[in-house]
Each structure stands twice: as structure tokens, then as C-alpha cells.
């Protein structure tokens, strides 16, 4: 009886191992996405997402093992299983600049790759925040917000994560970090709803980068 139990448990173990090493189903399509595509040389992180669909258009089944590797920086975790058609890992910079070739590969040999740029840039020393309008009427509306990042020599800093926040209304970014472009600029949009308070409102909008911040004030009339 004990021998049969051992055999039964061994079969379960082998089946479980086999399921965690499922190959990519025939006819599947797979893509790999890195966000952001440019990260700083120190402390940079890019989310690497593999997305796949089977030939009938359904997301890849859960439990398919995806392996990750890179020729620059490190990827963690090095293996991940698909869930809802996706598998996720993270590329982390290690102080060396260059182009990181990140590859995801499946049992059976299928591979997809993406390039992430790891670049040097000077630390952000100054922030600037501007708005397309500093005063709106009672009905509210949309206001474009522009955030800028500069180094100690007032040169624009690219790929710097900036966070916008507001004491009223909604931001297109939902408070998530936005990366500056080559001009050191990141743009968000603020939507202000109807002012039914009966008094003028003073709305504070703040731009953050780490411990740095700067704030502007927008007035909404009655």
C-alpha cells in the first residue's frame, strides 16, 4: 500500500513539473514590451512584459514558463509563469550605461527580444511647473500642465520621472510617474469639475521628483 502511495505522489509531482514547463502552443503570437524604454544608469527599472495569444485569439493559458535574460543589467525574476496571457519581469540597471538586449524565451526555443537604453544623466537639481491657464471659470475644464527637470547647470534632464499632484480635480496621469523627454519636459492634464461651493477656490498643483518639489496655484471662480 505504501509503495502505491509513493508511486501516486511521484506521478503527481511529474505532472506538476511537466505543466510548469509547457511549451508555447503552436500558432501562438508573442510580443515583448519594455516600459520605460530608457532608464537611468543608477537605480533604473524597466518593466518587461511578455504578452501572448494562442492561434484562436485567446490569451496564452496560465502556467507557461517564460525565461528572461539580459546582456546588461540584471533581470528579476529570471523566470515567470503566464497569467491572463502575460508574464512580467524587471530589468534593473547596475551602474553601466549602454543598450540592454532583454530576451524572453520559452520551452521549445521560441524567443522575443526588446532593447532598453541605460543612459547616464546628471541628477535633477531644479524643477519648473507651468500651466496653460492659472484661472478658470465656475464650469471648470481642462488645463495642460508642463513639468521640467534641470541639472545643476540648468541643462534639461531626460528620462527623469516626474509626479504631478493636485488638491482638486483629476489628472490624466492618475498620479503615476511621467518621464521627461529630451527637452526635460513631461506633460499632464488637469480636469477641474464644476465649482458649486459658492466661493472662489484656490487649487494647488505640485510637481515632485524624489525629495524635490515645486507648487503653483490655480484659481477657479464662482
Foldseek 3Di string as FASTA:
>chain_A
DVVVVVVVVVVVVVVVVDLLQDFDDPQKDKAKDWPPQEFEQPFTKIKIKMAMAHNVGFADDWNFKKAKDKPAAGKPPRIFTDDRRMTIIMGTHDNDFDKIWMKIAGPVGDIYIDIGGHDHDADFDDKDKDKPAQEEEQAWFKIKMKMFTAHPVRQGTWQAWKFKDKPAFAKPCNRGTDTAHNRRMDMIMGTHHGHPPPAKDWMKMKMDGVVDMDIDIHIYGD
